[in-house]
């Protein structure tokens, strides 16, 4: 991902953040809701056609990939979604794993084994993204009001710098991967948890039916009538935060309990452990969406739940991700009842917190007695 918004620091980070932030403003995100609704409808069609059981992670990745490609590139015509998805998985299993060399502070220019094994996956993803960027450049400025268009027009107000080919590639790559992978995982974990908790699922499904009133798919306007489904997503991201670790470089010396923290050290913030900390959460390993009822949230320290990070580098697309997840989950719950259809997966930490093995669920259609 090079020197993208994800990896850059200081002035290089600030101007990229300013350039990209307007794409995820509240007004623009709300305007994208109809696209998310159409994506949810397509997900229903695919799930309904599944013969016996649903590969939930794969289905959710396909759904969220549709949306991020539309937001970033106004379509996925330059992408082979299956090949790109396989490349992402390969990347997480190789480059995305920490190396012992990292912890031994071996200089970054020394190749890590995972980097060597993951080069083919990186080439596959970069080839597709470069093809999309080249096609847009050929169309000229202002061809589409999407993330790529904003990046092409972005200019650093202090230096006049604009994004070069590598800047565009690295940022588009980051947003396509991060923008659909994390949301798909949040949805997959939420469906898994509901499938193993019939009472919570019945409550969420009743809310989804009431909110939709018989319509095929949820819209942004329906979500105010489905607060429990938002609580389900928040609780799923507490138990299984899509990004389970954050790394921060230390700027000034500090002390944490009895440990001296030196300038230049790297501190890993273990979000997964924070979300299950027994000092702060009652029955922390239990699934209980009522932890995120308004009164419970108001009584709790806000920095105990950090699925999107916090501070200046909080996820720029957090509102986008939540809107997309709520629309898709509300739609699915109004159309299907979900039951376990495979072994209970374990969370495995790569760059994201993935379930292994796949989340296999049976989706019982509404007309088969699901309501």
Protein backbone atom coordinates (compact mmCIF):
# COMPACT_ATOMS: atom_id res chain seq x y z
CA UNK A 1 0.00 0.00 0.00
CA UNK A 2 3.04 2.24 -0.22
CA UNK A 3 2.81 5.74 1.25
CA UNK A 4 -0.99 5.80 1.32
CA UNK A 5 -3.37 7.33 3.84
CA UNK A 6 -3.02 4.09 5.81
CA UNK A 7 0.77 4.19 6.18
CA UNK A 8 1.89 7.82 5.81
CA UNK A 9 2.49 10.23 8.68
CA UNK A 10 2.64 13.96 9.40
CA UNK A 11 2.12 16.37 6.51
CA UNK A 12 1.97 13.55 3.94
CA UNK A 13 -0.92 12.00 5.87
CA UNK A 14 -2.75 15.28 6.52
CA UNK A 15 -3.09 16.38 2.91
CA UNK A 16 -4.24 12.93 1.77
CA UNK A 17 -6.84 12.86 4.55
CA UNK A 18 -8.12 16.30 3.53
CA UNK A 19 -8.35 15.20 -0.08
CA UNK A 20 -10.26 12.01 0.66
CA UNK A 21 -12.52 13.06 3.55
CA UNK A 22 -15.18 14.84 1.37
CA UNK A 23 -16.01 11.53 -0.33
CA UNK A 24 -17.18 10.20 3.05
CA UNK A 25 -19.10 13.25 4.27
CA UNK A 26 -22.51 12.54 5.84
CA UNK A 27 -24.32 14.01 2.82
CA UNK A 28 -22.43 11.92 0.28
CA UNK A 29 -22.68 8.73 2.32
CA UNK A 30 -26.47 9.13 2.59
CA UNK A 31 -26.62 9.66 -1.18
CA UNK A 32 -24.93 6.27 -1.63
CA UNK A 33 -27.65 4.44 0.31
CA UNK A 34 -29.71 3.42 -2.80
CA UNK A 35 -26.61 1.69 -4.16
CA UNK A 36 -26.27 -0.20 -0.87
CA UNK A 37 -29.94 -1.20 -1.08
CA UNK A 38 -29.44 -2.64 -4.58
CA UNK A 39 -26.40 -4.54 -3.32
CA UNK A 40 -28.48 -6.00 -0.48
CA UNK A 41 -31.12 -7.14 -3.00
CA UNK A 42 -28.46 -8.93 -5.08
CA UNK A 43 -27.13 -10.61 -1.93
CA UNK A 44 -30.64 -11.91 -1.17
CA UNK A 45 -30.89 -13.36 -4.69
CA UNK A 46 -27.54 -15.15 -4.40
CA UNK A 47 -28.29 -16.53 -0.94
CA UNK A 48 -31.75 -17.72 -1.99
CA UNK A 49 -30.12 -19.66 -4.86
CA UNK A 50 -27.63 -21.43 -2.57
CA UNK A 51 -28.43 -25.17 -2.65
CA UNK A 52 -27.89 -26.23 0.98
CA UNK A 53 -25.81 -23.77 2.97
CA UNK A 54 -24.25 -20.36 2.54
CA UNK A 55 -20.54 -19.50 2.60
CA UNK A 56 -21.26 -16.35 4.59
CA UNK A 57 -17.88 -14.61 4.41
CA UNK A 58 -17.67 -15.15 0.66
CA UNK A 59 -21.19 -13.78 0.14
CA UNK A 60 -20.62 -10.74 2.33
CA UNK A 61 -17.29 -9.99 0.60
CA UNK A 62 -19.07 -10.06 -2.76
CA UNK A 63 -21.79 -7.71 -1.50
CA UNK A 64 -19.45 -5.13 0.01
CA UNK A 65 -17.06 -5.33 -2.96
CA UNK A 66 -19.92 -4.14 -5.18
CA UNK A 67 -20.39 -1.05 -3.05
CA UNK A 68 -16.76 -0.03 -2.60
CA UNK A 69 -16.05 -0.40 -6.33
CA UNK A 70 -18.97 1.89 -7.08
CA UNK A 71 -17.84 4.46 -4.50
CA UNK A 72 -14.19 4.32 -5.50
CA UNK A 73 -14.39 3.75 -9.24
CA UNK A 74 -18.07 4.06 -10.29
CA UNK A 75 -18.22 0.35 -11.08
CA UNK A 76 -16.33 -2.94 -11.08
CA UNK A 77 -15.95 -3.43 -14.85
CA UNK A 78 -12.16 -3.58 -14.57
CA UNK A 79 -12.19 -6.20 -11.82
CA UNK A 80 -12.47 -9.94 -11.75
CA UNK A 81 -14.07 -10.05 -8.31
CA UNK A 82 -13.22 -13.70 -7.68
CA UNK A 83 -9.55 -13.32 -8.65
CA UNK A 84 -9.25 -10.11 -6.67
CA UNK A 85 -10.85 -11.73 -3.61
CA UNK A 86 -8.49 -14.69 -3.81
CA UNK A 87 -5.55 -12.29 -4.05
CA UNK A 88 -6.69 -10.43 -0.93
CA UNK A 89 -6.92 -13.69 1.01
CA UNK A 90 -3.47 -14.71 -0.22
CA UNK A 91 -2.12 -11.29 0.79
CA UNK A 92 -3.47 -11.59 4.34
CA UNK A 93 -2.01 -15.07 4.71
CA UNK A 94 1.46 -13.93 3.60
CA UNK A 95 2.32 -10.23 3.65
CA UNK A 96 -0.40 -9.56 6.22
CA UNK A 97 1.20 -11.72 8.89
CA UNK A 98 3.75 -10.27 11.28
CA UNK A 99 7.26 -11.62 10.82
CA UNK A 100 9.76 -12.45 13.55
CA UNK A 101 12.08 -10.06 11.68
CA UNK A 102 9.70 -7.20 12.53
CA UNK A 103 9.96 -7.87 16.25
CA UNK A 104 13.74 -8.20 16.01
CA UNK A 105 13.74 -4.70 14.44
CA UNK A 106 15.45 -5.89 11.28
CA UNK A 107 15.38 -2.95 8.79
CA UNK A 108 12.29 -2.91 6.56
CA UNK A 109 14.37 -3.12 3.37
CA UNK A 110 15.24 -6.72 4.30
CA UNK A 111 12.56 -8.85 2.56
CA UNK A 112 10.25 -10.79 4.86
CA UNK A 113 9.29 -14.35 3.84
CA UNK A 114 5.64 -13.33 3.60
CA UNK A 115 6.45 -10.52 1.20
CA UNK A 116 8.15 -12.94 -1.16
CA UNK A 117 5.24 -15.40 -1.01
CA UNK A 118 2.66 -12.65 -1.47
CA UNK A 119 4.17 -10.85 -4.47
CA UNK A 120 1.92 -12.61 -6.94
CA UNK A 121 -1.20 -11.54 -5.01
CA UNK A 122 0.01 -7.94 -4.91
CA UNK A 123 0.69 -7.95 -8.65
CA UNK A 124 -2.80 -9.29 -9.33
CA UNK A 125 -4.48 -6.55 -7.28
CA UNK A 126 -2.25 -3.76 -8.62
CA UNK A 127 -2.86 -4.82 -12.23
CA UNK A 128 -6.63 -4.46 -11.85
CA UNK A 129 -6.44 -1.14 -9.99
CA UNK A 130 -3.96 0.30 -12.50
CA UNK A 131 -6.25 -0.73 -15.34
CA UNK A 132 -9.15 1.16 -13.74
CA UNK A 133 -7.02 4.27 -13.13
CA UNK A 134 -5.72 4.26 -16.72
CA UNK A 135 -9.26 4.02 -18.08
CA UNK A 136 -10.34 6.99 -15.97
CA UNK A 137 -7.35 9.11 -17.01
CA UNK A 138 -8.32 8.45 -20.63
CA UNK A 139 -11.79 9.84 -19.93
CA UNK A 140 -10.40 13.13 -18.63
CA UNK A 141 -11.17 15.15 -15.44
CA UNK A 142 -14.63 15.19 -13.95
CA UNK A 143 -15.72 11.97 -15.66
CA UNK A 144 -17.31 10.66 -12.46
CA UNK A 145 -17.98 11.99 -8.98
CA UNK A 146 -16.23 9.21 -7.07
CA UNK A 147 -13.18 8.63 -4.87
CA UNK A 148 -10.78 8.35 -7.80
CA UNK A 149 -12.04 11.63 -9.25
CA UNK A 150 -11.39 13.37 -5.91
CA UNK A 151 -7.89 11.88 -5.75
CA UNK A 152 -7.08 13.00 -9.30
CA UNK A 153 -8.16 16.55 -8.44
CA UNK A 154 -6.58 16.67 -4.97
CA UNK A 155 -3.85 19.22 -4.34
CA UNK A 156 -1.82 19.87 -1.20
CA UNK A 157 -2.66 23.50 -0.25
CA UNK A 158 0.79 23.97 1.28
CA UNK A 159 3.02 22.53 -1.43
CA UNK A 160 0.76 22.29 -4.50
CA UNK A 161 1.58 18.58 -4.70
CA UNK A 162 -0.84 16.31 -6.53
CA UNK A 163 -1.14 12.56 -6.38
CA UNK A 164 1.22 10.77 -8.73
CA UNK A 165 0.64 7.31 -10.22
CA UNK A 166 1.97 5.49 -7.15
CA UNK A 167 -0.07 7.68 -4.76
CA UNK A 168 -3.23 6.90 -6.72
CA UNK A 169 -2.49 3.20 -6.91
CA UNK A 170 -1.62 2.84 -3.22
CA UNK A 171 -4.63 4.78 -1.96
CA UNK A 172 -7.11 3.08 -4.28
CA UNK A 173 -5.67 -0.30 -3.29
CA UNK A 174 -6.04 0.55 0.39
CA UNK A 175 -9.63 1.77 0.11
CA UNK A 176 -10.81 -1.14 -2.01
CA UNK A 177 -9.31 -3.72 0.37
CA UNK A 178 -10.09 -1.98 3.67
CA UNK A 179 -13.43 -0.61 2.49
CA UNK A 180 -15.04 -3.96 1.84
CA UNK A 181 -13.06 -6.54 3.84
CA UNK A 182 -13.79 -5.06 7.28
CA UNK A 183 -17.52 -4.52 6.67
CA UNK A 184 -17.92 -8.01 5.24
CA UNK A 185 -16.27 -9.50 8.31
CA UNK A 186 -18.48 -7.50 10.69
CA UNK A 187 -21.56 -8.81 8.85
CA UNK A 188 -20.27 -12.39 8.82
CA UNK A 189 -19.54 -12.43 12.54
CA UNK A 190 -22.93 -10.81 13.27
CA UNK A 191 -24.81 -13.46 11.26
CA UNK A 192 -22.83 -16.22 12.95
CA UNK A 193 -23.65 -14.87 16.41
CA UNK A 194 -27.35 -14.51 15.59
CA UNK A 195 -27.48 -18.02 14.14
CA UNK A 196 -26.28 -19.35 17.52
CA UNK A 197 -28.68 -17.14 19.52
CA UNK A 198 -32.26 -17.79 18.30
CA UNK A 199 -33.78 -15.37 20.81
CA UNK A 200 -31.63 -12.43 19.72
CA UNK A 201 -32.19 -13.33 16.08
CA UNK A 202 -35.96 -13.46 16.53
CA UNK A 203 -35.89 -9.98 18.08
CA UNK A 204 -33.74 -8.62 15.26
CA UNK A 205 -35.87 -10.26 12.58
CA UNK A 206 -39.09 -8.89 14.06
CA UNK A 207 -37.54 -5.42 14.01
CA UNK A 208 -36.41 -5.87 10.39
CA UNK A 209 -39.90 -6.95 9.29
CA UNK A 210 -41.50 -3.99 11.03
CA UNK A 211 -39.00 -1.54 9.56
CA UNK A 212 -39.39 -2.80 5.98
CA UNK A 213 -43.16 -3.22 6.07
CA UNK A 214 -43.11 -5.90 3.37
CA UNK A 215 -40.67 -4.15 1.02
CA UNK A 216 -37.85 -6.18 -0.53
CA UNK A 217 -34.83 -4.36 0.89
CA UNK A 218 -33.92 -1.78 3.51
CA UNK A 219 -33.19 1.86 2.75
CA UNK A 220 -31.40 4.48 4.84
CA UNK A 221 -34.80 5.81 5.95
CA UNK A 222 -35.67 2.44 7.51
CA UNK A 223 -32.71 2.27 9.87
CA UNK A 224 -34.09 4.60 12.55
CA UNK A 225 -36.78 1.95 13.12
CA UNK A 226 -34.15 -0.78 13.58
CA UNK A 227 -31.96 0.28 16.54
CA UNK A 228 -31.50 -3.29 17.82
CA UNK A 229 -29.87 -4.34 14.54
CA UNK A 230 -27.32 -1.55 14.98
CA UNK A 231 -26.73 -2.88 18.52
CA UNK A 232 -26.15 -6.37 17.06
CA UNK A 233 -23.46 -4.98 14.76
CA UNK A 234 -21.81 -3.03 17.59
CA UNK A 235 -21.75 -6.13 19.79
CA UNK A 236 -20.41 -8.29 16.94
CA UNK A 237 -17.58 -5.78 16.44
CA UNK A 238 -16.91 -5.80 20.18
CA UNK A 239 -16.47 -9.56 20.25
CA UNK A 240 -14.78 -9.76 16.84
CA UNK A 241 -13.35 -6.35 15.90
CA UNK A 242 -12.54 -6.51 12.17
CA UNK A 243 -9.20 -4.84 12.94
CA UNK A 244 -8.05 -6.47 16.17
CA UNK A 245 -4.73 -4.64 16.57
CA UNK A 246 -3.60 -1.07 15.99
CA UNK A 247 0.05 -0.03 15.94
CA UNK A 248 1.25 3.43 16.94
CA UNK A 249 4.74 4.92 16.97
CA UNK A 250 5.76 6.64 20.22
CA UNK A 251 6.52 10.35 19.79
CA UNK A 252 7.68 11.23 23.30
CA UNK A 253 8.86 9.10 26.27
CA UNK A 254 6.12 7.88 28.59
CA UNK A 255 5.47 5.37 31.33
CA UNK A 256 2.75 2.73 31.33
CA UNK A 257 2.34 1.19 34.80
CA UNK A 258 5.88 0.00 35.57
CA UNK A 259 7.07 0.00 31.95
CA UNK A 260 9.12 2.78 30.35
CA UNK A 261 8.00 3.55 26.82
CA UNK A 262 10.75 5.07 24.71
CA UNK A 263 10.48 7.52 21.84
CA UNK A 264 10.57 5.51 18.63
CA UNK A 265 9.04 2.38 20.17
CA UNK A 266 6.02 0.82 18.51
CA UNK A 267 3.02 0.24 20.78
CA UNK A 268 0.41 -2.30 19.75
CA UNK A 269 -3.10 -1.52 20.95
CA UNK A 270 -4.86 -4.83 21.41
CA UNK A 271 -8.45 -3.92 20.51
CA UNK A 272 -9.60 -7.54 20.75
CA UNK A 273 -8.38 -7.77 24.37
CA UNK A 274 -9.77 -4.33 25.27
CA UNK A 275 -13.21 -5.37 24.02
CA UNK A 276 -13.18 -8.49 26.24
CA UNK A 277 -11.44 -7.03 29.30
CA UNK A 278 -12.94 -8.46 32.49
CA UNK A 279 -12.37 -5.27 34.46
CA UNK A 280 -14.61 -3.31 32.11
CA UNK A 281 -17.18 -5.72 30.67
CA UNK A 282 -19.58 -8.01 32.54
CA UNK A 283 -19.53 -11.55 31.07
CA UNK A 284 -17.21 -10.20 28.37
CA UNK A 285 -17.24 -13.31 26.16
CA UNK A 286 -21.04 -13.47 25.97
CA UNK A 287 -23.06 -12.07 23.04
CA UNK A 288 -25.40 -9.40 24.41
CA UNK A 289 -26.50 -6.62 22.01
CA UNK A 290 -28.21 -4.79 24.89
CA UNK A 291 -24.74 -3.61 25.96
CA UNK A 292 -25.21 -1.03 23.21
CA UNK A 293 -28.68 0.17 24.16
CA UNK A 294 -28.58 3.98 24.45
CA UNK A 295 -28.63 4.02 28.27
CA UNK A 296 -25.86 1.42 28.53
CA UNK A 297 -23.67 3.27 26.02
CA UNK A 298 -24.15 6.57 27.81
CA UNK A 299 -23.00 5.06 31.12
CA UNK A 300 -19.82 3.55 29.67
CA UNK A 301 -16.39 5.07 28.99
CA UNK A 302 -16.41 5.83 25.27
CA UNK A 303 -12.89 4.50 24.56
CA UNK A 304 -13.74 0.96 25.65
CA UNK A 305 -15.27 0.21 22.23
CA UNK A 306 -12.96 1.07 19.34
CA UNK A 307 -13.96 -0.90 16.22
CA UNK A 308 -12.97 2.07 14.03
CA UNK A 309 -10.06 3.35 16.12
CA UNK A 310 -10.08 6.83 17.66
CA UNK A 311 -8.40 10.21 17.44
CA UNK A 312 -7.26 11.99 14.27
CA UNK A 313 -6.68 8.69 12.47
CA UNK A 314 -10.11 7.25 13.18
CA UNK A 315 -11.42 5.34 10.15
CA UNK A 316 -12.42 7.94 7.56
CA UNK A 317 -15.16 5.64 6.26
CA UNK A 318 -16.76 4.65 9.58
CA UNK A 319 -20.19 6.17 8.78
CA UNK A 320 -20.09 4.62 5.31
CA UNK A 321 -19.28 1.19 6.74
CA UNK A 322 -22.03 1.29 9.37
CA UNK A 323 -24.70 2.45 6.92
CA UNK A 324 -23.77 -0.29 4.48
CA UNK A 325 -23.71 -2.97 7.18
CA UNK A 326 -27.08 -1.92 8.63
CA UNK A 327 -28.81 -1.88 5.25
CA UNK A 328 -27.46 -5.31 4.28
CA UNK A 329 -28.10 -6.95 7.67
CA UNK A 330 -31.63 -5.52 8.00
CA UNK A 331 -32.48 -6.76 4.50
CA UNK A 332 -31.11 -10.26 5.11
CA UNK A 333 -32.88 -10.65 8.45
CA UNK A 334 -36.21 -9.66 6.90
CA UNK A 335 -35.83 -12.37 4.25
CA UNK A 336 -34.15 -15.30 6.02
CA UNK A 337 -33.77 -17.10 9.30
CA UNK A 338 -30.16 -18.21 9.77
CA UNK A 339 -29.08 -21.49 11.38
CA UNK A 340 -25.62 -23.00 11.97
CA UNK A 341 -24.55 -25.37 9.17
CA UNK A 342 -20.91 -26.04 9.94
CA UNK A 343 -18.28 -26.01 12.66
CA UNK A 344 -18.01 -22.97 14.90
CA UNK A 345 -15.13 -20.91 13.46
CA UNK A 346 -12.27 -19.48 15.49
CA UNK A 347 -11.04 -15.90 15.12
CA UNK A 348 -7.59 -15.78 13.50
CA UNK A 349 -5.60 -12.55 13.47
CA UNK A 350 -4.17 -11.54 10.12
CA UNK A 351 -4.35 -7.86 9.17
CA UNK A 352 -8.04 -8.37 9.94
CA UNK A 353 -9.80 -10.78 12.31
CA UNK A 354 -11.02 -13.55 10.03
CA UNK A 355 -13.12 -16.60 10.94
CA UNK A 356 -11.50 -19.95 10.22
CA UNK A 357 -12.96 -22.07 8.83
CA UNK A 358 -15.63 -20.29 6.75
CA UNK A 359 -18.91 -19.31 8.47
CA UNK A 360 -21.34 -21.87 7.04
CA UNK A 361 -25.00 -21.05 7.66
CA UNK A 362 -28.34 -22.33 6.46
CA UNK A 363 -30.63 -19.53 5.25
CA UNK A 364 -34.30 -20.45 5.69
CA UNK A 365 -36.48 -18.21 3.46
CA UNK A 366 -39.28 -16.18 4.97
CA UNK A 367 -41.99 -18.10 3.11
CA UNK A 368 -40.70 -21.33 4.70
CA UNK A 369 -41.87 -20.24 8.13
CA UNK A 370 -39.06 -17.86 9.02
CA UNK A 371 -41.29 -15.17 10.57
